[in-house]
Amino acid sequence: MAFTDELVEEIKVLAHFNLESHQEGIKVHGSAKSEVIDATGRLFKKGLVSQEDGGYLTDLGIEAAEHAQSVLTILTS
């Protein structure tokens, strides 16, 4: 599996979620970069976030964000 620009953008969005509090979501505004808006929409279609513009992580989204953030932590240590 190749890393596409789209997948990288989705990982970047997942990295913005605070995993310490599942009651804290994100809101991607219409003024955000189109890549971020599109990535968030794809995460919604994949069932990882609760709203097309962000919202909260779903159970699957929590798992994906945990893995994504773990990889980023390992690689930047």
Protein backbone atom coordinates (compact mmCIF):
# COMPACT_ATOMS: atom_id res chain seq x y z
CA MET A 1 0.00 0.00 0.00
CA ALA A 2 1.37 3.36 -1.03
CA PHE A 3 1.03 6.53 1.00
CA THR A 4 -0.98 9.00 -1.04
CA ASP A 5 -1.28 12.71 -0.35
CA GLU A 6 -4.91 12.04 0.61
CA LEU A 7 -3.95 9.46 3.25
CA VAL A 8 -1.30 11.76 4.68
CA GLU A 9 -3.89 14.55 5.01
CA GLU A 10 -6.29 12.18 6.78
CA ILE A 11 -3.55 11.18 9.23
CA LYS A 12 -2.82 14.86 9.86
CA VAL A 13 -6.49 15.46 10.71
CA LEU A 14 -6.52 12.46 13.08
CA ALA A 15 -3.41 13.83 14.77
CA HIS A 16 -5.33 16.99 15.77
CA PHE A 17 -7.74 15.14 18.04
CA ASN A 18 -7.12 15.23 21.78
CA LEU A 19 -7.18 11.60 22.88
CA GLU A 20 -7.16 12.59 26.54
CA SER A 21 -10.81 13.68 26.25
CA HIS A 22 -13.25 11.99 23.89
CA GLN A 23 -15.66 14.83 24.67
CA GLU A 24 -13.43 17.23 22.73
CA GLY A 25 -13.96 17.28 18.98
CA ILE A 26 -12.76 19.47 16.15
CA LYS A 27 -14.51 21.79 13.70
CA VAL A 28 -13.03 22.28 10.25
CA HIS A 29 -14.20 25.64 8.97
CA GLY A 30 -14.93 26.45 5.36
CA SER A 31 -11.91 28.76 5.36
CA ALA A 32 -9.55 25.83 6.03
CA LYS A 33 -7.28 24.51 3.27
CA SER A 34 -9.23 22.44 0.77
CA GLU A 35 -7.00 19.44 1.51
CA VAL A 36 -8.08 19.51 5.17
CA ILE A 37 -11.75 19.93 4.31
CA ASP A 38 -11.59 17.05 1.84
CA ALA A 39 -9.66 14.80 4.25
CA THR A 40 -12.20 15.41 7.01
CA GLY A 41 -15.04 14.58 4.63
CA ARG A 42 -13.33 11.32 3.69
CA LEU A 43 -12.87 10.44 7.37
CA PHE A 44 -16.61 11.01 7.86
CA LYS A 45 -17.45 8.74 4.91
CA LYS A 46 -15.14 6.09 6.37
CA GLY A 47 -16.95 6.31 9.71
CA LEU A 48 -14.05 7.74 11.72
CA VAL A 49 -15.60 11.10 12.66
CA SER A 50 -19.19 11.98 13.53
CA GLN A 51 -19.65 14.97 11.20
CA GLU A 52 -18.53 15.84 7.69
CA ASP A 53 -16.73 18.88 9.11
CA GLY A 54 -15.13 17.02 12.00
CA GLY A 55 -17.13 16.58 15.16
CA TYR A 56 -16.09 13.76 17.44
CA LEU A 57 -14.15 10.59 16.82
CA THR A 58 -16.22 7.43 16.51
CA ASP A 59 -15.01 4.24 18.21
CA LEU A 60 -13.21 3.31 15.01
CA GLY A 61 -11.86 6.85 14.76
CA ILE A 62 -10.47 6.68 18.30
CA GLU A 63 -8.62 3.50 17.41
CA ALA A 64 -7.26 5.01 14.17
CA ALA A 65 -6.21 8.25 15.90
CA GLU A 66 -4.46 6.30 18.66
CA HIS A 67 -2.45 4.36 16.08
CA ALA A 68 -1.70 7.44 13.99
CA GLN A 69 -0.57 9.46 16.99
CA SER A 70 1.54 6.54 18.27
CA VAL A 71 3.36 6.29 14.95
CA LEU A 72 4.00 10.03 14.93
CA THR A 73 5.32 9.89 18.50
CA ILE A 74 7.67 7.01 17.69
CA LEU A 75 8.98 8.62 14.52
CA THR A 76 9.57 12.02 16.08
CA SER A 77 11.24 10.73 19.27
